[in-house]
Each structure stands twice: as C-alpha cells, then as structure tokens.
C-alpha cells in the first residue's frame, strides 16, 4: 500500500505515536483502515483516488455527527469529531474557489454541449473526475444547475 496520501498518512501516524496524541492517532488509524478496505473491496491495492473518496466520505460522516452531538449537548464528542474533520482535510488537495469551479464547469459544458437541465448527468459525469477531492459534490451540482439554466 504505497501512494502519496497513504505514505504521508503513515508518516504522520508515526509522529502522532511518538507524541502520544491518542485522539489524532485513533483518527489516522481509522482512516488508514478505511482506505485499505476500499482497496480490498476492489481486490487490489488502494490508490490515491480511493483515499480521496474515503476521506471525503469520512468528512461528511463526521460533519453529520457534529451536528447531532451539538443537538445532544455532547461538547466532548463534538471536539473529537472536529479534530477528525480538521485532520482529514489536511490530506485533501487544495479546494477550488467559486471562480475556479465556475470556469471548469463552463469548460465542461462547452465540451459536452448539453441540451439544458435534462443533460445534468452527462455534464456531471464528465466534470466529477476533474474536480474529484477538490470540491464538494453538492456545490458542484448547484453550479452546474445554475449554468445550465442560464444557457
């Protein structure tokens, strides 16, 4: 299992072990475990793309947990989940700002020549590989819808 993200994660995990950062170490071990599972499920070694998908999924799960824990007045668990979200985000590539995302969406729309909003899936299929790990899917969908309605 050797990809850039996984190698970096394993190195950071060793640092956390030496520093005796239990919560950080637990979050890293869980992330590595989930990335390995993604590869095992596909009967191959995990890739950076697998890692990006897993990291995105875990961030969303932890954000949902944060909301629930806040409603339940569990500040101790909120802090632990926030640490995980913050940690996982360090392994994602630089996120696209609204202007960059809008430009990429416009390029893909020009390439795919959609016939309006009914071709949303066609545009998303071509667009998602370009923005994988660099933009939230909901935000991408909203920008695509907005640009398709304007066209």
N, C-alpha and C. Protein backbone atom coordinates (compact mmCIF):
# COMPACT_ATOMS: atom_id res chain seq x y z
N UNK A 1 0.86 -1.17 0.00
CA UNK A 1 0.00 0.00 0.00
C UNK A 1 0.89 1.23 0.00
N UNK A 2 1.20 1.75 -1.18
CA UNK A 2 2.05 2.94 -1.20
C UNK A 2 1.57 3.92 -2.25
N UNK A 3 0.94 4.94 -1.77
CA UNK A 3 0.56 6.07 -2.60
C UNK A 3 1.00 7.31 -1.85
N UNK A 4 0.96 8.45 -2.48
CA UNK A 4 1.41 9.67 -1.83
C UNK A 4 0.62 9.96 -0.56
N UNK A 5 -0.69 9.89 -0.64
CA UNK A 5 -1.52 10.20 0.52
C UNK A 5 -1.30 9.17 1.62
N UNK A 6 -1.27 7.91 1.27
CA UNK A 6 -1.11 6.86 2.27
C UNK A 6 0.28 6.93 2.91
N UNK A 7 1.30 7.18 2.10
CA UNK A 7 2.66 7.30 2.65
C UNK A 7 2.73 8.47 3.63
N UNK A 8 2.14 9.59 3.25
CA UNK A 8 2.13 10.77 4.12
C UNK A 8 1.36 10.48 5.42
N UNK A 9 0.24 9.80 5.26
CA UNK A 9 -0.59 9.46 6.42
C UNK A 9 0.15 8.54 7.39
N UNK A 10 0.84 7.54 6.85
CA UNK A 10 1.59 6.62 7.71
C UNK A 10 2.74 7.32 8.41
N UNK A 11 3.40 8.25 7.73
CA UNK A 11 4.46 9.03 8.35
C UNK A 11 3.92 9.91 9.47
N UNK A 12 2.79 10.55 9.22
CA UNK A 12 2.16 11.40 10.23
C UNK A 12 1.68 10.57 11.42
N UNK A 13 1.27 9.34 11.14
CA UNK A 13 0.81 8.46 12.21
C UNK A 13 1.97 8.12 13.16
N UNK A 14 3.15 7.89 12.61
CA UNK A 14 4.32 7.62 13.44
C UNK A 14 4.65 8.81 14.33
N UNK A 15 4.54 10.00 13.77
CA UNK A 15 4.79 11.22 14.54
C UNK A 15 3.78 11.33 15.69
N UNK A 16 2.51 11.04 15.39
CA UNK A 16 1.47 11.11 16.42
C UNK A 16 1.71 10.06 17.51
N UNK A 17 2.21 8.89 17.12
CA UNK A 17 2.52 7.85 18.11
C UNK A 17 3.61 8.33 19.05
N UNK A 18 4.67 8.89 18.48
CA UNK A 18 5.79 9.35 19.30
C UNK A 18 5.37 10.50 20.22
N UNK A 19 4.44 11.33 19.74
CA UNK A 19 3.97 12.47 20.53
C UNK A 19 2.86 12.06 21.51
N UNK A 20 2.43 10.82 21.42
CA UNK A 20 1.36 10.28 22.27
C UNK A 20 0.06 11.08 22.15
N UNK A 21 -0.29 11.40 20.90
CA UNK A 21 -1.54 12.11 20.62
C UNK A 21 -2.62 11.07 20.32
N UNK A 22 -3.31 10.61 21.34
CA UNK A 22 -4.22 9.48 21.23
C UNK A 22 -5.38 9.73 20.27
N UNK A 23 -6.05 10.87 20.39
CA UNK A 23 -7.20 11.14 19.52
C UNK A 23 -6.78 11.25 18.05
N UNK A 24 -5.68 11.92 17.83
CA UNK A 24 -5.15 12.09 16.47
C UNK A 24 -4.75 10.73 15.89
N UNK A 25 -4.09 9.94 16.69
CA UNK A 25 -3.65 8.61 16.27
C UNK A 25 -4.84 7.71 15.94
N UNK A 26 -5.86 7.77 16.77
CA UNK A 26 -7.07 6.97 16.54
C UNK A 26 -7.72 7.35 15.20
N UNK A 27 -7.81 8.65 14.93
CA UNK A 27 -8.41 9.12 13.68
C UNK A 27 -7.58 8.66 12.47
N UNK A 28 -6.27 8.71 12.59
CA UNK A 28 -5.41 8.28 11.48
C UNK A 28 -5.50 6.79 11.25
N UNK A 29 -5.51 6.02 12.32
CA UNK A 29 -5.62 4.56 12.17
C UNK A 29 -6.94 4.18 11.50
N UNK A 30 -8.00 4.87 11.90
CA UNK A 30 -9.31 4.60 11.30
C UNK A 30 -9.29 4.93 9.81
N UNK A 31 -8.69 6.07 9.46
CA UNK A 31 -8.61 6.47 8.06
C UNK A 31 -7.82 5.46 7.24
N UNK A 32 -6.69 5.03 7.73
CA UNK A 32 -5.88 4.04 7.01
C UNK A 32 -6.66 2.74 6.84
N UNK A 33 -7.36 2.33 7.88
CA UNK A 33 -8.17 1.12 7.82
C UNK A 33 -9.25 1.23 6.74
N UNK A 34 -9.92 2.36 6.69
CA UNK A 34 -10.98 2.55 5.69
C UNK A 34 -10.41 2.59 4.27
N UNK A 35 -9.25 3.19 4.10
CA UNK A 35 -8.62 3.23 2.77
C UNK A 35 -8.22 1.82 2.34
N UNK A 36 -7.68 1.05 3.27
CA UNK A 36 -7.31 -0.34 2.94
C UNK A 36 -8.54 -1.16 2.56
N UNK A 37 -9.64 -0.94 3.30
CA UNK A 37 -10.89 -1.66 2.98
C UNK A 37 -11.35 -1.34 1.57
N UNK A 38 -11.20 -0.09 1.16
CA UNK A 38 -11.61 0.31 -0.19
C UNK A 38 -10.84 -0.49 -1.23
N UNK A 39 -9.56 -0.69 -1.01
CA UNK A 39 -8.76 -1.48 -1.94
C UNK A 39 -9.12 -2.95 -1.89
N UNK A 40 -9.33 -3.47 -0.69
CA UNK A 40 -9.68 -4.89 -0.54
C UNK A 40 -11.01 -5.18 -1.23
N UNK A 41 -11.96 -4.27 -1.09
CA UNK A 41 -13.27 -4.47 -1.72
C UNK A 41 -13.16 -4.55 -3.24
N UNK A 42 -12.13 -3.93 -3.80
CA UNK A 42 -11.92 -3.96 -5.25
C UNK A 42 -10.87 -5.01 -5.65
N UNK A 43 -10.37 -5.77 -4.69
CA UNK A 43 -9.36 -6.81 -4.91
C UNK A 43 -8.08 -6.26 -5.54
N UNK A 44 -7.62 -5.13 -4.98
CA UNK A 44 -6.39 -4.52 -5.47
C UNK A 44 -5.83 -3.62 -4.37
N UNK A 45 -4.65 -3.09 -4.62
CA UNK A 45 -4.06 -2.13 -3.70
C UNK A 45 -4.81 -0.80 -3.80
N UNK A 46 -5.06 -0.13 -2.69
CA UNK A 46 -5.76 1.15 -2.75
C UNK A 46 -4.90 2.22 -3.44
N UNK A 47 -5.57 3.15 -4.09
CA UNK A 47 -4.90 4.23 -4.81
C UNK A 47 -5.19 5.56 -4.12
N UNK A 48 -4.57 6.61 -4.62
CA UNK A 48 -4.86 7.95 -4.10
C UNK A 48 -6.31 8.32 -4.36
N UNK A 49 -6.86 7.88 -5.48
CA UNK A 49 -8.28 8.15 -5.75
C UNK A 49 -9.16 7.48 -4.70
N UNK A 50 -8.83 6.26 -4.33
CA UNK A 50 -9.57 5.58 -3.25
C UNK A 50 -9.48 6.39 -1.97
N UNK A 51 -8.27 6.85 -1.68
CA UNK A 51 -8.05 7.63 -0.46
C UNK A 51 -8.89 8.91 -0.47
N UNK A 52 -8.96 9.60 -1.61
CA UNK A 52 -9.75 10.83 -1.70
C UNK A 52 -11.23 10.56 -1.48
N UNK A 53 -11.72 9.48 -2.06
CA UNK A 53 -13.13 9.12 -1.89
C UNK A 53 -13.42 8.82 -0.41
N UNK A 54 -12.55 8.04 0.21
CA UNK A 54 -12.74 7.67 1.61
C UNK A 54 -12.67 8.91 2.50
N UNK A 55 -11.69 9.76 2.27
CA UNK A 55 -11.54 10.97 3.08
C UNK A 55 -12.79 11.84 2.96
N UNK A 56 -13.28 12.04 1.74
CA UNK A 56 -14.49 12.83 1.54
C UNK A 56 -15.68 12.24 2.28
N UNK A 57 -15.84 10.93 2.20
CA UNK A 57 -16.95 10.26 2.88
C UNK A 57 -16.84 10.41 4.40
N UNK A 58 -15.65 10.23 4.92
CA UNK A 58 -15.47 10.32 6.37
C UNK A 58 -15.67 11.75 6.88
N UNK A 59 -15.27 12.73 6.10
CA UNK A 59 -15.50 14.12 6.50
C UNK A 59 -17.00 14.39 6.58
N UNK A 60 -17.74 13.93 5.59
CA UNK A 60 -19.20 14.14 5.61
C UNK A 60 -19.83 13.43 6.81
N UNK A 61 -19.40 12.21 7.08
CA UNK A 61 -19.94 11.46 8.23
C UNK A 61 -19.66 12.19 9.53
N UNK A 62 -18.45 12.67 9.67
CA UNK A 62 -18.10 13.38 10.91
C UNK A 62 -18.84 14.70 11.04
N UNK A 63 -19.07 15.38 9.93
CA UNK A 63 -19.83 16.64 9.99
C UNK A 63 -21.27 16.38 10.43
N UNK A 64 -21.85 15.29 9.94
CA UNK A 64 -23.20 14.92 10.38
C UNK A 64 -23.21 14.57 11.87
N UNK A 65 -22.18 13.88 12.32
CA UNK A 65 -22.07 13.53 13.73
C UNK A 65 -21.94 14.78 14.58
N UNK A 66 -21.18 15.75 14.11
CA UNK A 66 -21.00 17.00 14.85
C UNK A 66 -22.35 17.67 15.07
N UNK A 67 -23.16 17.73 14.02
CA UNK A 67 -24.49 18.35 14.15
C UNK A 67 -25.33 17.62 15.20
N UNK A 68 -25.31 16.29 15.15
CA UNK A 68 -26.10 15.51 16.11
C UNK A 68 -25.58 15.68 17.54
N UNK A 69 -24.26 15.67 17.69
CA UNK A 69 -23.69 15.82 19.02
C UNK A 69 -23.97 17.21 19.59
N UNK A 70 -23.99 18.23 18.73
CA UNK A 70 -24.31 19.58 19.19
C UNK A 70 -25.75 19.63 19.71
N UNK A 71 -26.66 18.97 19.00
CA UNK A 71 -28.06 18.93 19.44
C UNK A 71 -28.19 18.21 20.77
N UNK A 72 -27.33 17.24 21.01
CA UNK A 72 -27.37 16.47 22.25
C UNK A 72 -26.49 17.03 23.35
N UNK A 73 -25.94 18.22 23.14
CA UNK A 73 -25.06 18.87 24.11
C UNK A 73 -23.89 17.99 24.53
N UNK A 74 -23.28 17.34 23.56
CA UNK A 74 -22.11 16.49 23.83
C UNK A 74 -20.86 17.18 23.29
N UNK A 75 -20.45 18.24 23.96
CA UNK A 75 -19.31 19.04 23.50
C UNK A 75 -18.01 18.24 23.45
N UNK A 76 -17.86 17.25 24.32
CA UNK A 76 -16.66 16.42 24.30
C UNK A 76 -16.56 15.65 22.98
N UNK A 77 -17.68 15.11 22.52
CA UNK A 77 -17.69 14.36 21.26
C UNK A 77 -17.59 15.29 20.05
N UNK A 78 -18.16 16.49 20.18
CA UNK A 78 -18.06 17.48 19.10
C UNK A 78 -16.59 17.80 18.85
N UNK A 79 -15.85 18.04 19.93
CA UNK A 79 -14.43 18.38 19.81
C UNK A 79 -13.64 17.25 19.14
N UNK A 80 -13.95 16.01 19.51
CA UNK A 80 -13.25 14.86 18.93
C UNK A 80 -13.55 14.74 17.43
N UNK A 81 -14.80 14.92 17.05
CA UNK A 81 -15.18 14.83 15.64
C UNK A 81 -14.58 15.99 14.83
N UNK A 82 -14.55 17.18 15.42
CA UNK A 82 -13.97 18.33 14.73
C UNK A 82 -12.47 18.12 14.49
N UNK A 83 -11.80 17.50 15.45
CA UNK A 83 -10.39 17.18 15.27
C UNK A 83 -10.21 16.25 14.08
N UNK A 84 -11.09 15.25 13.97
CA UNK A 84 -11.02 14.32 12.83
C UNK A 84 -11.25 15.01 11.51
N UNK A 85 -12.24 15.90 11.44
CA UNK A 85 -12.52 16.62 10.20
C UNK A 85 -11.32 17.48 9.81
N UNK A 86 -10.78 18.19 10.78
CA UNK A 86 -9.62 19.05 10.53
C UNK A 86 -8.43 18.23 10.04
N UNK A 87 -8.20 17.09 10.69
CA UNK A 87 -7.10 16.21 10.32
C UNK A 87 -7.29 15.67 8.90
N UNK A 88 -8.47 15.17 8.59
CA UNK A 88 -8.73 14.57 7.28
C UNK A 88 -8.60 15.60 6.17
N UNK A 89 -8.99 16.82 6.43
CA UNK A 89 -8.90 17.86 5.39
C UNK A 89 -7.46 18.14 4.99
N UNK A 90 -6.51 17.88 5.87
CA UNK A 90 -5.10 18.13 5.53
C UNK A 90 -4.61 17.18 4.44
N UNK A 91 -5.32 16.09 4.22
CA UNK A 91 -4.91 15.12 3.21
C UNK A 91 -5.63 15.33 1.88
N UNK A 92 -6.53 16.29 1.82
CA UNK A 92 -7.21 16.61 0.56
C UNK A 92 -6.40 17.63 -0.21
N UNK A 93 -6.51 17.63 -1.55
CA UNK A 93 -5.82 18.66 -2.32
C UNK A 93 -6.47 20.03 -2.08
N UNK A 94 -5.79 21.07 -2.52
CA UNK A 94 -6.31 22.44 -2.39
C UNK A 94 -7.71 22.51 -3.00
N UNK A 95 -8.66 23.04 -2.23
CA UNK A 95 -10.05 23.14 -2.69
C UNK A 95 -10.20 24.27 -3.71
N UNK A 96 -11.06 24.05 -4.68
CA UNK A 96 -11.32 25.06 -5.70
C UNK A 96 -12.17 26.18 -5.11
N UNK A 97 -11.85 27.42 -5.50
CA UNK A 97 -12.72 28.51 -5.08
C UNK A 97 -13.86 28.62 -6.09
N UNK A 98 -14.83 29.46 -5.81
CA UNK A 98 -16.04 29.55 -6.64
C UNK A 98 -15.70 29.93 -8.08
N UNK A 99 -14.75 30.83 -8.26
CA UNK A 99 -14.39 31.28 -9.61
C UNK A 99 -13.75 30.16 -10.42
N UNK A 100 -12.82 29.41 -9.81
CA UNK A 100 -12.16 28.31 -10.49
C UNK A 100 -13.16 27.21 -10.85
N UNK A 101 -14.05 26.89 -9.92
CA UNK A 101 -15.06 25.87 -10.16
C UNK A 101 -15.98 26.29 -11.29
N UNK A 102 -16.40 27.53 -11.28
CA UNK A 102 -17.29 28.04 -12.32
C UNK A 102 -16.64 27.95 -13.70
N UNK A 103 -15.35 28.25 -13.75
CA UNK A 103 -14.61 28.19 -15.01
C UNK A 103 -14.54 26.75 -15.54
N UNK A 104 -14.23 25.80 -14.65
CA UNK A 104 -14.15 24.40 -15.05
C UNK A 104 -15.51 23.89 -15.52
N UNK A 105 -16.57 24.27 -14.81
CA UNK A 105 -17.93 23.88 -15.19
C UNK A 105 -18.25 24.42 -16.58
N UNK A 106 -17.91 25.67 -16.83
CA UNK A 106 -18.18 26.28 -18.14
C UNK A 106 -17.43 25.53 -19.25
N UNK A 107 -16.18 25.13 -18.98
CA UNK A 107 -15.40 24.38 -19.97
C UNK A 107 -16.07 23.04 -20.28
N UNK A 108 -16.50 22.34 -19.25
CA UNK A 108 -17.12 21.02 -19.44
C UNK A 108 -18.45 21.17 -20.17
N UNK A 109 -19.20 22.20 -19.85
CA UNK A 109 -20.47 22.43 -20.54
C UNK A 109 -20.22 22.70 -22.02
N UNK A 110 -19.18 23.46 -22.33
CA UNK A 110 -18.83 23.73 -23.73
C UNK A 110 -18.42 22.44 -24.44
N UNK A 111 -17.72 21.55 -23.75
CA UNK A 111 -17.27 20.30 -24.35
C UNK A 111 -18.41 19.31 -24.57
N UNK A 112 -19.35 19.25 -23.62
CA UNK A 112 -20.40 18.24 -23.69
C UNK A 112 -21.63 18.70 -24.46
N UNK A 113 -21.78 19.97 -24.70
CA UNK A 113 -22.92 20.55 -25.42
C UNK A 113 -24.26 19.99 -24.94
N UNK A 114 -24.60 20.24 -23.67
CA UNK A 114 -25.87 19.71 -23.15
C UNK A 114 -27.07 20.46 -23.71
N UNK A 115 -28.20 19.77 -23.75
CA UNK A 115 -29.44 20.37 -24.27
C UNK A 115 -30.30 20.87 -23.11
N UNK A 116 -29.66 21.48 -22.13
CA UNK A 116 -30.40 22.01 -21.00
C UNK A 116 -30.22 21.17 -19.75
N UNK A 117 -31.10 21.43 -18.78
CA UNK A 117 -31.01 20.80 -17.47
C UNK A 117 -31.20 19.28 -17.53
N UNK A 118 -31.86 18.79 -18.57
CA UNK A 118 -32.08 17.35 -18.67
C UNK A 118 -30.77 16.57 -18.89
N UNK A 119 -29.72 17.26 -19.32
CA UNK A 119 -28.42 16.62 -19.52
C UNK A 119 -27.46 16.85 -18.34
N UNK A 120 -28.02 17.11 -17.18
CA UNK A 120 -27.22 17.34 -15.98
C UNK A 120 -26.29 16.16 -15.71
N UNK A 121 -26.80 14.96 -15.82
CA UNK A 121 -26.00 13.76 -15.57
C UNK A 121 -24.82 13.65 -16.51
N UNK A 122 -25.03 14.00 -17.75
CA UNK A 122 -23.97 13.94 -18.77
C UNK A 122 -22.84 14.90 -18.40
N UNK A 123 -23.22 16.09 -17.97
CA UNK A 123 -22.22 17.10 -17.58
C UNK A 123 -21.49 16.66 -16.31
N UNK A 124 -22.25 16.18 -15.33
CA UNK A 124 -21.64 15.76 -14.05
C UNK A 124 -20.66 14.60 -14.27
N UNK A 125 -21.01 13.67 -15.15
CA UNK A 125 -20.15 12.52 -15.42
C UNK A 125 -18.80 12.97 -15.98
N UNK A 126 -18.82 13.98 -16.84
CA UNK A 126 -17.58 14.49 -17.41
C UNK A 126 -16.83 15.39 -16.44
N UNK A 127 -17.56 16.06 -15.56
CA UNK A 127 -16.98 17.05 -14.66
C UNK A 127 -16.36 16.45 -13.39
N UNK A 128 -17.02 15.49 -12.78
CA UNK A 128 -16.57 14.99 -11.48
C UNK A 128 -15.13 14.47 -11.46
N UNK A 129 -14.65 13.77 -12.48
CA UNK A 129 -13.24 13.36 -12.42
C UNK A 129 -12.27 14.55 -12.38
N UNK A 130 -12.65 15.67 -12.94
CA UNK A 130 -11.77 16.85 -12.95
C UNK A 130 -11.71 17.56 -11.61
N UNK A 131 -12.76 17.44 -10.82
CA UNK A 131 -12.81 18.17 -9.55
C UNK A 131 -12.76 17.24 -8.34
N UNK A 132 -12.51 15.97 -8.58
CA UNK A 132 -12.51 14.96 -7.51
C UNK A 132 -11.60 15.37 -6.36
N UNK A 133 -12.18 15.43 -5.18
CA UNK A 133 -11.42 15.76 -4.00
C UNK A 133 -11.14 17.25 -3.82
N UNK A 134 -11.46 18.04 -4.84
CA UNK A 134 -11.17 19.47 -4.77
C UNK A 134 -12.42 20.32 -4.62
N UNK A 135 -13.60 19.69 -4.66
CA UNK A 135 -14.85 20.43 -4.49
C UNK A 135 -15.94 19.46 -4.01
N UNK A 136 -16.84 19.96 -3.19
CA UNK A 136 -17.94 19.17 -2.67
C UNK A 136 -18.95 18.90 -3.80
N UNK A 137 -19.44 17.69 -3.88
CA UNK A 137 -20.38 17.30 -4.93
C UNK A 137 -21.64 18.14 -4.97
N UNK A 138 -22.16 18.52 -3.80
CA UNK A 138 -23.37 19.34 -3.75
C UNK A 138 -23.13 20.72 -4.34
N UNK A 139 -21.97 21.28 -4.04
CA UNK A 139 -21.62 22.60 -4.57
C UNK A 139 -21.45 22.51 -6.09
N UNK A 140 -20.77 21.47 -6.55
CA UNK A 140 -20.57 21.27 -7.99
C UNK A 140 -21.92 21.15 -8.69
N UNK A 141 -22.83 20.35 -8.12
CA UNK A 141 -24.15 20.16 -8.70
C UNK A 141 -24.89 21.49 -8.80
N UNK A 142 -24.81 22.30 -7.76
CA UNK A 142 -25.50 23.59 -7.75
C UNK A 142 -24.95 24.52 -8.83
N UNK A 143 -23.63 24.55 -9.00
CA UNK A 143 -23.02 25.40 -10.02
C UNK A 143 -23.41 24.93 -11.41
N UNK A 144 -23.41 23.62 -11.63
CA UNK A 144 -23.80 23.07 -12.94
C UNK A 144 -25.26 23.43 -13.24
N UNK A 145 -26.13 23.23 -12.28
CA UNK A 145 -27.56 23.57 -12.47
C UNK A 145 -27.73 25.04 -12.83
N UNK A 146 -27.01 25.88 -12.11
CA UNK A 146 -27.12 27.32 -12.34
C UNK A 146 -26.67 27.67 -13.76
N UNK A 147 -25.54 27.11 -14.18
CA UNK A 147 -25.03 27.43 -15.53
C UNK A 147 -25.89 26.82 -16.63
N UNK A 148 -26.47 25.64 -16.37
CA UNK A 148 -27.33 25.04 -17.39
C UNK A 148 -28.63 25.82 -17.55
N UNK A 149 -29.13 26.39 -16.46
CA UNK A 149 -30.36 27.18 -16.54
C UNK A 149 -30.13 28.49 -17.26
N UNK A 150 -28.91 29.04 -17.15
CA UNK A 150 -28.58 30.28 -17.83
C UNK A 150 -28.41 30.09 -19.32
N UNK A 151 -27.99 28.88 -19.71
CA UNK A 151 -27.70 28.61 -21.13
C UNK A 151 -28.96 28.48 -21.96
